[in-house]
Amino acid sequence: MPESNRDRSLWRIVWAYATAYWHWAVLLVMGVYVYQQYMPSIDLAEEGRPAPSVQAEALAGDRFRLADHRGEVVVVNVWATWCPPCRVEMPGFVDLQREFADDGVQFVGIAVDRDGADAVRPFVEKQGVNFPQIANPAVAARHFPGEAVPRTYLIDKRGRIRYEHSGIILKWALDDALERLVDEPGSGGT
């Protein structure tokens, strides 16, 4: 009998701590979630699936064709002006476009705002976005489907999607992956 009293006493102590400090468990779970969202490991697939044949009018009025960028590394970002994480990651993409432009990296944004160019153009101009923007939710739905924004896709020089991520992805997380993709051999004449 003394053993079971000790067990009950131990469980009371554990229960007292659990009820008094439950928020630490919640914070731990939230911390793991945030860590995975903000610090994703970018493991590039050895082979990827072929990127879609995107052709759409960009905000600047020219036609963007993904196939025209074969031999380059392309970063496709599906985003929206009303999306706070999209707004957080955009300045890093602008910096990376500037840093990697001479290395054959091309970013392209596909905005899913329902108001199209009327919503996207003022944001792009104010933020100094330096890469093509397609303001067409149907293009995103057709070629890069998904519910969440932002969504980011890394396409190698051979036109294959090597990495995709839903959620925010910060500049430093992409930096190493872009360097690895840039260092890979080109499209091999295809």
N, C-alpha and C. Protein backbone atom coordinates (compact mmCIF):
# COMPACT_ATOMS: atom_id res chain seq x y z
N MET A 1 0.80 -1.21 0.00
CA MET A 1 0.00 0.00 0.00
C MET A 1 0.84 1.28 0.00
N PRO A 2 1.92 1.34 0.72
CA PRO A 2 2.70 2.56 0.71
C PRO A 2 3.20 2.91 -0.70
N GLU A 3 3.47 1.88 -1.52
CA GLU A 3 3.95 2.12 -2.88
C GLU A 3 2.90 2.85 -3.72
N SER A 4 1.63 2.47 -3.59
CA SER A 4 0.59 3.11 -4.39
C SER A 4 0.33 4.54 -3.91
N ASN A 5 0.49 4.81 -2.65
CA ASN A 5 0.36 6.19 -2.17
C ASN A 5 1.46 7.06 -2.76
N ARG A 6 2.65 6.49 -2.85
CA ARG A 6 3.77 7.23 -3.42
C ARG A 6 3.49 7.49 -4.91
N ASP A 7 2.94 6.51 -5.63
CA ASP A 7 2.59 6.69 -7.04
C ASP A 7 1.55 7.79 -7.21
N ARG A 8 0.52 7.76 -6.34
CA ARG A 8 -0.52 8.81 -6.42
C ARG A 8 0.07 10.17 -6.11
N SER A 9 0.94 10.21 -5.17
CA SER A 9 1.58 11.47 -4.81
C SER A 9 2.43 12.00 -5.97
N LEU A 10 3.16 11.09 -6.62
CA LEU A 10 3.98 11.48 -7.77
C LEU A 10 3.09 12.02 -8.90
N TRP A 11 1.98 11.33 -9.19
CA TRP A 11 1.07 11.80 -10.24
C TRP A 11 0.45 13.14 -9.90
N ARG A 12 0.17 13.38 -8.61
CA ARG A 12 -0.36 14.70 -8.19
C ARG A 12 0.66 15.80 -8.46
N ILE A 13 1.91 15.49 -8.17
CA ILE A 13 2.97 16.48 -8.42
C ILE A 13 3.09 16.74 -9.92
N VAL A 14 3.11 15.66 -10.71
CA VAL A 14 3.20 15.81 -12.16
C VAL A 14 2.01 16.60 -12.68
N TRP A 15 0.81 16.27 -12.21
CA TRP A 15 -0.40 16.98 -12.64
C TRP A 15 -0.34 18.45 -12.24
N ALA A 16 0.15 18.74 -11.06
CA ALA A 16 0.27 20.12 -10.60
C ALA A 16 1.21 20.91 -11.52
N TYR A 17 2.34 20.31 -11.86
CA TYR A 17 3.27 20.98 -12.78
C TYR A 17 2.66 21.14 -14.17
N ALA A 18 1.99 20.10 -14.65
CA ALA A 18 1.39 20.15 -15.99
C ALA A 18 0.34 21.25 -16.08
N THR A 19 -0.50 21.37 -15.04
CA THR A 19 -1.53 22.40 -15.10
C THR A 19 -0.95 23.80 -14.86
N ALA A 20 0.11 23.88 -14.10
CA ALA A 20 0.71 25.19 -13.84
C ALA A 20 1.56 25.67 -15.02
N TYR A 21 2.18 24.74 -15.76
CA TYR A 21 3.12 25.12 -16.81
C TYR A 21 2.72 24.59 -18.19
N TRP A 22 1.43 24.41 -18.43
CA TRP A 22 0.94 23.88 -19.70
C TRP A 22 1.36 24.75 -20.88
N HIS A 23 1.48 26.05 -20.66
CA HIS A 23 1.80 26.96 -21.76
C HIS A 23 3.18 26.69 -22.36
N TRP A 24 4.09 26.09 -21.58
CA TRP A 24 5.40 25.76 -22.13
C TRP A 24 5.30 24.70 -23.21
N ALA A 25 4.43 23.74 -23.01
CA ALA A 25 4.22 22.70 -24.03
C ALA A 25 3.64 23.32 -25.30
N VAL A 26 2.69 24.23 -25.15
CA VAL A 26 2.10 24.91 -26.30
C VAL A 26 3.16 25.73 -27.02
N LEU A 27 3.98 26.45 -26.26
CA LEU A 27 5.05 27.24 -26.86
C LEU A 27 6.07 26.36 -27.59
N LEU A 28 6.36 25.21 -27.03
CA LEU A 28 7.29 24.29 -27.68
C LEU A 28 6.73 23.82 -29.02
N VAL A 29 5.46 23.43 -29.04
CA VAL A 29 4.83 22.98 -30.29
C VAL A 29 4.80 24.13 -31.29
N MET A 30 4.44 25.31 -30.85
CA MET A 30 4.42 26.47 -31.75
C MET A 30 5.82 26.78 -32.26
N GLY A 31 6.80 26.66 -31.40
CA GLY A 31 8.19 26.91 -31.80
C GLY A 31 8.65 25.96 -32.88
N VAL A 32 8.32 24.70 -32.75
CA VAL A 32 8.68 23.71 -33.78
C VAL A 32 7.99 24.07 -35.09
N TYR A 33 6.72 24.44 -35.02
CA TYR A 33 5.98 24.81 -36.23
C TYR A 33 6.62 26.04 -36.89
N VAL A 34 6.89 27.06 -36.12
CA VAL A 34 7.49 28.29 -36.67
C VAL A 34 8.87 27.99 -37.25
N TYR A 35 9.65 27.18 -36.55
CA TYR A 35 10.97 26.81 -37.05
C TYR A 35 10.85 26.16 -38.43
N GLN A 36 9.91 25.24 -38.59
CA GLN A 36 9.74 24.57 -39.87
C GLN A 36 9.27 25.53 -40.95
N GLN A 37 8.49 26.52 -40.58
CA GLN A 37 7.99 27.48 -41.57
C GLN A 37 9.06 28.48 -41.98
N TYR A 38 9.82 28.99 -41.03
CA TYR A 38 10.77 30.05 -41.31
C TYR A 38 12.16 29.54 -41.66
N MET A 39 12.45 28.32 -41.31
CA MET A 39 13.78 27.79 -41.55
C MET A 39 13.69 26.44 -42.26
N PRO A 40 13.02 26.41 -43.41
CA PRO A 40 12.89 25.12 -44.08
C PRO A 40 14.25 24.68 -44.61
N SER A 41 14.50 23.40 -44.52
CA SER A 41 15.72 22.90 -45.14
C SER A 41 15.39 22.68 -46.61
N ILE A 42 16.26 23.14 -47.45
CA ILE A 42 16.03 23.01 -48.87
C ILE A 42 16.84 21.83 -49.37
N ASP A 43 16.15 20.71 -49.48
CA ASP A 43 16.75 19.51 -50.04
C ASP A 43 16.28 19.42 -51.48
N LEU A 44 17.18 19.69 -52.38
CA LEU A 44 16.85 19.66 -53.80
C LEU A 44 16.66 18.21 -54.24
N ALA A 45 15.60 17.95 -54.94
CA ALA A 45 15.36 16.62 -55.48
C ALA A 45 16.43 16.31 -56.53
N GLU A 46 16.87 15.06 -56.58
CA GLU A 46 17.86 14.66 -57.58
C GLU A 46 17.33 14.92 -58.99
N GLU A 47 16.17 14.44 -59.23
CA GLU A 47 15.46 14.70 -60.48
C GLU A 47 14.17 15.38 -60.06
N GLY A 48 13.62 16.16 -60.89
CA GLY A 48 12.36 16.79 -60.56
C GLY A 48 11.37 16.52 -61.67
N ARG A 49 10.15 16.92 -61.43
CA ARG A 49 9.16 16.78 -62.50
C ARG A 49 9.31 17.97 -63.44
N PRO A 50 8.94 17.80 -64.68
CA PRO A 50 9.06 18.91 -65.64
C PRO A 50 8.21 20.11 -65.21
N ALA A 51 8.77 21.28 -65.37
CA ALA A 51 8.03 22.51 -65.08
C ALA A 51 6.96 22.70 -66.17
N PRO A 52 5.85 23.33 -65.82
CA PRO A 52 4.80 23.55 -66.82
C PRO A 52 5.21 24.58 -67.86
N SER A 53 4.51 24.59 -68.96
CA SER A 53 4.77 25.54 -70.05
C SER A 53 3.99 26.83 -69.80
N VAL A 54 4.52 27.66 -68.95
CA VAL A 54 3.84 28.91 -68.60
C VAL A 54 4.09 29.95 -69.69
N GLN A 55 3.00 30.54 -70.15
CA GLN A 55 3.06 31.68 -71.07
C GLN A 55 1.96 32.63 -70.62
N ALA A 56 2.36 33.83 -70.25
CA ALA A 56 1.36 34.80 -69.78
C ALA A 56 1.89 36.21 -69.93
N GLU A 57 0.98 37.15 -69.96
CA GLU A 57 1.36 38.56 -70.04
C GLU A 57 1.82 39.04 -68.67
N ALA A 58 2.98 39.67 -68.65
CA ALA A 58 3.52 40.24 -67.41
C ALA A 58 3.00 41.67 -67.25
N LEU A 59 3.15 42.20 -66.05
CA LEU A 59 2.69 43.57 -65.78
C LEU A 59 3.30 44.59 -66.73
N ALA A 60 4.54 44.37 -67.12
CA ALA A 60 5.24 45.31 -68.00
C ALA A 60 4.68 45.29 -69.42
N GLY A 61 3.77 44.34 -69.72
CA GLY A 61 3.16 44.29 -71.04
C GLY A 61 3.80 43.27 -71.96
N ASP A 62 4.96 42.75 -71.59
CA ASP A 62 5.60 41.74 -72.43
C ASP A 62 5.09 40.35 -72.07
N ARG A 63 5.40 39.39 -72.90
CA ARG A 63 4.95 38.02 -72.69
C ARG A 63 6.05 37.26 -71.97
N PHE A 64 5.73 36.66 -70.84
CA PHE A 64 6.68 35.83 -70.11
C PHE A 64 6.46 34.38 -70.54
N ARG A 65 7.53 33.73 -70.97
CA ARG A 65 7.49 32.31 -71.34
C ARG A 65 8.56 31.60 -70.53
N LEU A 66 8.13 30.67 -69.72
CA LEU A 66 9.08 29.92 -68.90
C LEU A 66 10.11 29.19 -69.77
N ALA A 67 9.69 28.69 -70.92
CA ALA A 67 10.59 27.97 -71.82
C ALA A 67 11.74 28.84 -72.32
N ASP A 68 11.53 30.15 -72.37
CA ASP A 68 12.59 31.07 -72.81
C ASP A 68 13.74 31.11 -71.80
N HIS A 69 13.53 30.58 -70.62
CA HIS A 69 14.55 30.64 -69.56
C HIS A 69 15.23 29.30 -69.33
N ARG A 70 15.07 28.37 -70.27
CA ARG A 70 15.79 27.09 -70.19
C ARG A 70 17.27 27.42 -70.18
N GLY A 71 18.01 26.76 -69.35
CA GLY A 71 19.44 27.07 -69.19
C GLY A 71 19.69 28.03 -68.04
N GLU A 72 18.62 28.56 -67.46
CA GLU A 72 18.70 29.43 -66.28
C GLU A 72 18.00 28.73 -65.12
N VAL A 73 18.32 29.18 -63.93
CA VAL A 73 17.59 28.75 -62.74
C VAL A 73 16.43 29.72 -62.58
N VAL A 74 15.22 29.19 -62.41
CA VAL A 74 14.04 30.05 -62.28
C VAL A 74 13.39 29.80 -60.92
N VAL A 75 13.04 30.89 -60.27
CA VAL A 75 12.31 30.83 -59.00
C VAL A 75 10.92 31.40 -59.26
N VAL A 76 9.91 30.57 -59.13
CA VAL A 76 8.52 31.00 -59.32
C VAL A 76 7.92 31.18 -57.94
N ASN A 77 7.36 32.37 -57.70
CA ASN A 77 6.73 32.66 -56.42
C ASN A 77 5.27 33.00 -56.66
N VAL A 78 4.36 32.18 -56.12
CA VAL A 78 2.93 32.45 -56.19
C VAL A 78 2.57 33.19 -54.91
N TRP A 79 2.01 34.38 -55.06
CA TRP A 79 1.82 35.25 -53.91
C TRP A 79 0.60 36.14 -54.09
N ALA A 80 0.35 37.01 -53.09
CA ALA A 80 -0.75 37.97 -53.15
C ALA A 80 -0.38 39.20 -52.33
N THR A 81 -0.91 40.35 -52.73
CA THR A 81 -0.61 41.58 -51.99
C THR A 81 -1.24 41.60 -50.60
N TRP A 82 -2.32 40.85 -50.40
CA TRP A 82 -3.02 40.82 -49.12
C TRP A 82 -2.41 39.82 -48.14
N CYS A 83 -1.37 39.12 -48.55
CA CYS A 83 -0.75 38.04 -47.77
C CYS A 83 0.45 38.57 -47.00
N PRO A 84 0.37 38.67 -45.65
CA PRO A 84 1.50 39.19 -44.87
C PRO A 84 2.81 38.42 -45.07
N PRO A 85 2.83 37.08 -45.08
CA PRO A 85 4.11 36.39 -45.32
C PRO A 85 4.70 36.70 -46.70
N CYS A 86 3.82 36.91 -47.69
CA CYS A 86 4.30 37.26 -49.03
C CYS A 86 5.01 38.60 -49.01
N ARG A 87 4.46 39.52 -48.26
CA ARG A 87 5.07 40.85 -48.15
C ARG A 87 6.41 40.79 -47.43
N VAL A 88 6.53 39.88 -46.48
CA VAL A 88 7.78 39.73 -45.73
C VAL A 88 8.88 39.16 -46.62
N GLU A 89 8.56 38.16 -47.44
CA GLU A 89 9.60 37.51 -48.24
C GLU A 89 9.98 38.28 -49.50
N MET A 90 9.13 39.16 -49.99
CA MET A 90 9.38 39.85 -51.27
C MET A 90 10.69 40.65 -51.29
N PRO A 91 11.03 41.44 -50.26
CA PRO A 91 12.31 42.17 -50.33
C PRO A 91 13.52 41.25 -50.47
N GLY A 92 13.48 40.08 -49.86
CA GLY A 92 14.58 39.13 -50.02
C GLY A 92 14.68 38.61 -51.44
N PHE A 93 13.53 38.40 -52.08
CA PHE A 93 13.54 37.96 -53.47
C PHE A 93 14.12 39.05 -54.38
N VAL A 94 13.78 40.30 -54.08
CA VAL A 94 14.33 41.42 -54.85
C VAL A 94 15.86 41.43 -54.72
N ASP A 95 16.35 41.26 -53.49
CA ASP A 95 17.80 41.21 -53.27
C ASP A 95 18.45 40.05 -54.00
N LEU A 96 17.84 38.87 -53.90
CA LEU A 96 18.41 37.69 -54.56
C LEU A 96 18.41 37.84 -56.08
N GLN A 97 17.36 38.46 -56.65
CA GLN A 97 17.33 38.68 -58.10
C GLN A 97 18.51 39.55 -58.50
N ARG A 98 18.76 40.58 -57.72
CA ARG A 98 19.87 41.49 -58.00
C ARG A 98 21.21 40.74 -57.87
N GLU A 99 21.37 39.96 -56.81
CA GLU A 99 22.63 39.26 -56.55
C GLU A 99 22.93 38.16 -57.56
N PHE A 100 21.90 37.45 -58.03
CA PHE A 100 22.11 36.28 -58.88
C PHE A 100 21.79 36.53 -60.36
N ALA A 101 21.42 37.73 -60.73
CA ALA A 101 21.03 37.99 -62.13
C ALA A 101 22.15 37.63 -63.10
N ASP A 102 23.39 37.96 -62.77
CA ASP A 102 24.51 37.67 -63.66
C ASP A 102 24.89 36.19 -63.68
N ASP A 103 24.35 35.42 -62.74
CA ASP A 103 24.63 33.98 -62.67
C ASP A 103 23.55 33.16 -63.36
N GLY A 104 22.60 33.81 -64.01
CA GLY A 104 21.56 33.08 -64.73
C GLY A 104 20.40 32.64 -63.86
N VAL A 105 20.01 33.48 -62.90
CA VAL A 105 18.84 33.20 -62.06
C VAL A 105 17.76 34.21 -62.42
N GLN A 106 16.55 33.71 -62.64
CA GLN A 106 15.41 34.58 -62.96
C GLN A 106 14.26 34.27 -62.02
N PHE A 107 13.84 35.28 -61.27
CA PHE A 107 12.64 35.17 -60.45
C PHE A 107 11.46 35.60 -61.29
N VAL A 108 10.29 35.04 -60.99
CA VAL A 108 9.03 35.49 -61.59
C VAL A 108 7.95 35.33 -60.53
N GLY A 109 7.11 36.34 -60.40
CA GLY A 109 6.00 36.28 -59.46
C GLY A 109 4.69 36.05 -60.20
N ILE A 110 3.84 35.25 -59.59
CA ILE A 110 2.49 35.06 -60.11
C ILE A 110 1.54 35.44 -58.99
N ALA A 111 0.93 36.61 -59.11
CA ALA A 111 0.05 37.13 -58.07
C ALA A 111 -1.37 36.60 -58.28
N VAL A 112 -1.99 36.22 -57.18
CA VAL A 112 -3.33 35.64 -57.24
C VAL A 112 -4.41 36.62 -56.78
N ASP A 113 -4.08 37.89 -56.71
CA ASP A 113 -5.07 38.89 -56.32
C ASP A 113 -6.22 38.91 -57.31
N ARG A 114 -7.44 38.92 -56.81
CA ARG A 114 -8.62 38.93 -57.70
C ARG A 114 -8.72 40.21 -58.52
N ASP A 115 -8.19 41.31 -57.99
CA ASP A 115 -8.24 42.58 -58.72
C ASP A 115 -7.12 42.69 -59.75
N GLY A 116 -6.31 41.64 -59.88
CA GLY A 116 -5.27 41.58 -60.91
C GLY A 116 -4.27 42.72 -60.83
N ALA A 117 -3.95 43.26 -62.01
CA ALA A 117 -2.92 44.30 -62.11
C ALA A 117 -3.25 45.54 -61.29
N ASP A 118 -4.53 45.85 -61.12
CA ASP A 118 -4.91 47.03 -60.34
C ASP A 118 -4.43 46.93 -58.89
N ALA A 119 -4.40 45.73 -58.35
CA ALA A 119 -3.92 45.53 -56.97
C ALA A 119 -2.41 45.34 -56.93
N VAL A 120 -1.87 44.65 -57.92
CA VAL A 120 -0.47 44.24 -57.88
C VAL A 120 0.48 45.37 -58.29
N ARG A 121 0.15 46.10 -59.34
CA ARG A 121 1.06 47.12 -59.87
C ARG A 121 1.50 48.15 -58.81
N PRO A 122 0.60 48.73 -58.01
CA PRO A 122 1.06 49.71 -57.01
C PRO A 122 2.02 49.09 -55.99
N PHE A 123 1.76 47.87 -55.57
CA PHE A 123 2.64 47.20 -54.61
C PHE A 123 4.02 46.98 -55.22
N VAL A 124 4.07 46.46 -56.44
CA VAL A 124 5.32 46.15 -57.12
C VAL A 124 6.15 47.42 -57.32
N GLU A 125 5.49 48.49 -57.72
CA GLU A 125 6.20 49.76 -57.93
C GLU A 125 6.73 50.32 -56.61
N LYS A 126 5.90 50.30 -55.58
CA LYS A 126 6.31 50.83 -54.27
C LYS A 126 7.48 50.03 -53.69
N GLN A 127 7.47 48.70 -53.86
CA GLN A 127 8.51 47.84 -53.30
C GLN A 127 9.75 47.73 -54.19
N GLY A 128 9.69 48.28 -55.40
CA GLY A 128 10.83 48.21 -56.31
C GLY A 128 11.13 46.78 -56.76
N VAL A 129 10.08 46.01 -57.00
CA VAL A 129 10.26 44.62 -57.42
C VAL A 129 10.92 44.63 -58.81
N ASN A 130 12.02 43.88 -58.92
CA ASN A 130 12.87 43.92 -60.10
C ASN A 130 12.81 42.65 -60.96
N PHE A 131 11.70 41.96 -60.91
CA PHE A 131 11.54 40.77 -61.74
C PHE A 131 10.10 40.70 -62.24
N PRO A 132 9.87 39.97 -63.32
CA PRO A 132 8.55 39.95 -63.95
C PRO A 132 7.45 39.49 -62.99
N GLN A 133 6.30 40.11 -63.14
CA GLN A 133 5.13 39.77 -62.35
C GLN A 133 3.96 39.47 -63.28
N ILE A 134 3.32 38.36 -63.01
CA ILE A 134 2.11 37.98 -63.74
C ILE A 134 0.97 38.12 -62.73
N ALA A 135 0.01 38.97 -63.02
CA ALA A 135 -1.12 39.19 -62.11
C ALA A 135 -2.33 38.46 -62.66
N ASN A 136 -2.37 37.14 -62.42
CA ASN A 136 -3.42 36.34 -63.01
C ASN A 136 -3.62 35.07 -62.18
N PRO A 137 -4.65 35.03 -61.33
CA PRO A 137 -4.88 33.84 -60.50
C PRO A 137 -5.10 32.57 -61.32
N ALA A 138 -5.67 32.70 -62.52
CA ALA A 138 -5.91 31.52 -63.35
C ALA A 138 -4.61 30.87 -63.80
N VAL A 139 -3.58 31.67 -64.05
CA VAL A 139 -2.27 31.12 -64.44
C VAL A 139 -1.69 30.32 -63.28
N ALA A 140 -1.79 30.85 -62.07
CA ALA A 140 -1.30 30.13 -60.90
C ALA A 140 -2.07 28.83 -60.70
N ALA A 141 -3.39 28.89 -60.81
CA ALA A 141 -4.23 27.71 -60.60
C ALA A 141 -3.95 26.63 -61.65
N ARG A 142 -3.71 27.05 -62.87
CA ARG A 142 -3.49 26.10 -63.95
C ARG A 142 -2.10 25.46 -63.88
N HIS A 143 -1.08 26.26 -63.61
CA HIS A 143 0.30 25.77 -63.71
C HIS A 143 0.96 25.41 -62.38
N PHE A 144 0.58 26.11 -61.31
CA PHE A 144 1.16 25.87 -59.99
C PHE A 144 0.04 25.82 -58.96
N PRO A 145 -0.84 24.82 -59.04
CA PRO A 145 -2.03 24.78 -58.19
C PRO A 145 -1.69 24.59 -56.71
N GLY A 146 -2.57 25.14 -55.89
CA GLY A 146 -2.43 25.01 -54.44
C GLY A 146 -3.35 25.99 -53.76
N GLU A 147 -3.59 25.77 -52.50
CA GLU A 147 -4.49 26.64 -51.73
C GLU A 147 -3.74 27.76 -51.02
N ALA A 148 -2.54 27.46 -50.53
CA ALA A 148 -1.81 28.41 -49.69
C ALA A 148 -0.99 29.37 -50.53
N VAL A 149 -0.80 30.56 -50.00
CA VAL A 149 0.19 31.49 -50.52
C VAL A 149 1.00 31.96 -49.31
N PRO A 150 2.27 32.18 -49.50
CA PRO A 150 3.04 32.02 -50.72
C PRO A 150 3.42 30.57 -50.98
N ARG A 151 3.69 30.31 -52.27
CA ARG A 151 4.24 29.02 -52.72
C ARG A 151 5.44 29.35 -53.59
N THR A 152 6.53 28.65 -53.37
CA THR A 152 7.76 28.93 -54.11
C THR A 152 8.27 27.65 -54.75
N TYR A 153 8.71 27.76 -55.99
CA TYR A 153 9.20 26.63 -56.79
C TYR A 153 10.58 26.98 -57.33
N LEU A 154 11.54 26.05 -57.18
CA LEU A 154 12.87 26.21 -57.76
C LEU A 154 12.97 25.30 -58.97
N ILE A 155 13.24 25.89 -60.11
CA ILE A 155 13.32 25.16 -61.37
C ILE A 155 14.76 25.21 -61.86
N ASP A 156 15.32 24.05 -62.16
CA ASP A 156 16.73 24.00 -62.56
C ASP A 156 16.90 24.38 -64.03
N LYS A 157 18.16 24.37 -64.47
CA LYS A 157 18.50 24.78 -65.83
C LYS A 157 17.89 23.88 -66.90
N ARG A 158 17.54 22.66 -66.52
CA ARG A 158 16.94 21.71 -67.46
C ARG A 158 15.42 21.83 -67.50
N GLY A 159 14.87 22.77 -66.72
CA GLY A 159 13.42 22.98 -66.73
C GLY A 159 12.66 22.01 -65.85
N ARG A 160 13.29 21.56 -64.75
CA ARG A 160 12.64 20.60 -63.85
C ARG A 160 12.47 21.23 -62.48
N ILE A 161 11.30 21.03 -61.88
CA ILE A 161 11.02 21.56 -60.54
C ILE A 161 11.78 20.69 -59.55
N ARG A 162 12.76 21.29 -58.88
CA ARG A 162 13.61 20.55 -57.96
C ARG A 162 13.23 20.76 -56.51
N TYR A 163 12.42 21.80 -56.25
CA TYR A 163 12.01 22.08 -54.87
C TYR A 163 10.74 22.90 -54.91
N GLU A 164 9.82 22.61 -54.00
CA GLU A 164 8.63 23.45 -53.85
C GLU A 164 8.31 23.57 -52.37
N HIS A 165 7.81 24.74 -52.01
CA HIS A 165 7.55 25.02 -50.60
C HIS A 165 6.30 25.90 -50.49
N SER A 166 5.40 25.52 -49.60
CA SER A 166 4.24 26.36 -49.27
C SER A 166 4.55 27.03 -47.94
N GLY A 167 4.39 28.34 -47.91
CA GLY A 167 4.70 29.11 -46.71
C GLY A 167 5.86 30.05 -47.00
N ILE A 168 6.15 30.86 -46.02
CA ILE A 168 7.20 31.86 -46.19
C ILE A 168 8.56 31.18 -46.32
N ILE A 169 9.40 31.74 -47.16
CA ILE A 169 10.78 31.28 -47.29
C ILE A 169 11.65 32.52 -47.38
N LEU A 170 12.61 32.59 -46.50
CA LEU A 170 13.41 33.80 -46.40
C LEU A 170 14.67 33.72 -47.27
N LYS A 171 15.24 34.88 -47.51
CA LYS A 171 16.36 35.04 -48.42
C LYS A 171 17.50 34.08 -48.14
N TRP A 172 17.94 34.01 -46.92
CA TRP A 172 19.11 33.18 -46.60
C TRP A 172 18.85 31.70 -46.83
N ALA A 173 17.60 31.27 -46.72
CA ALA A 173 17.27 29.87 -46.96
C ALA A 173 17.42 29.53 -48.44
N LEU A 174 17.09 30.47 -49.31
CA LEU A 174 17.20 30.25 -50.75
C LEU A 174 18.62 30.41 -51.27
N ASP A 175 19.42 31.20 -50.61
CA ASP A 175 20.75 31.55 -51.08
C ASP A 175 21.60 30.32 -51.42
N ASP A 176 21.72 29.38 -50.48
CA ASP A 176 22.54 28.19 -50.71
C ASP A 176 21.97 27.32 -51.83
N ALA A 177 20.65 27.16 -51.85
CA ALA A 177 20.03 26.33 -52.88
C ALA A 177 20.26 26.94 -54.26
N LEU A 178 20.17 28.25 -54.37
CA LEU A 178 20.41 28.90 -55.66
C LEU A 178 21.86 28.71 -56.10
N GLU A 179 22.79 28.82 -55.16
CA GLU A 179 24.20 28.60 -55.51
C GLU A 179 24.42 27.19 -56.02
N ARG A 180 23.79 26.20 -55.38
CA ARG A 180 23.94 24.81 -55.83
C ARG A 180 23.36 24.63 -57.22
N LEU A 181 22.18 25.20 -57.48
CA LEU A 181 21.56 25.06 -58.80
C LEU A 181 22.36 25.77 -59.88
N VAL A 182 22.90 26.94 -59.55
CA VAL A 182 23.72 27.69 -60.52
C VAL A 182 24.96 26.89 -60.89
N ASP A 183 25.54 26.18 -59.92
CA ASP A 183 26.77 25.42 -60.16
C ASP A 183 26.55 24.12 -60.94
N GLU A 184 25.31 23.70 -61.07
CA GLU A 184 25.03 22.47 -61.82
C GLU A 184 25.24 22.71 -63.32
N PRO A 185 25.50 21.63 -64.05
CA PRO A 185 25.64 21.76 -65.51
C PRO A 185 24.33 22.28 -66.13
N GLY A 186 24.46 22.90 -67.28
CA GLY A 186 23.31 23.49 -67.97
C GLY A 186 22.38 22.47 -68.57
N SER A 187 21.57 22.93 -69.48
CA SER A 187 20.51 22.11 -70.05
C SER A 187 21.02 21.03 -70.99
N GLY A 188 22.31 21.02 -71.27
CA GLY A 188 22.88 19.97 -72.12
C GLY A 188 22.41 20.03 -73.56
N GLY A 189 22.09 21.23 -74.02
CA GLY A 189 21.70 21.41 -75.41
C GLY A 189 20.25 21.10 -75.71
N THR A 190 19.45 20.81 -74.67
CA THR A 190 18.03 20.52 -74.91
C THR A 190 17.21 21.76 -74.83
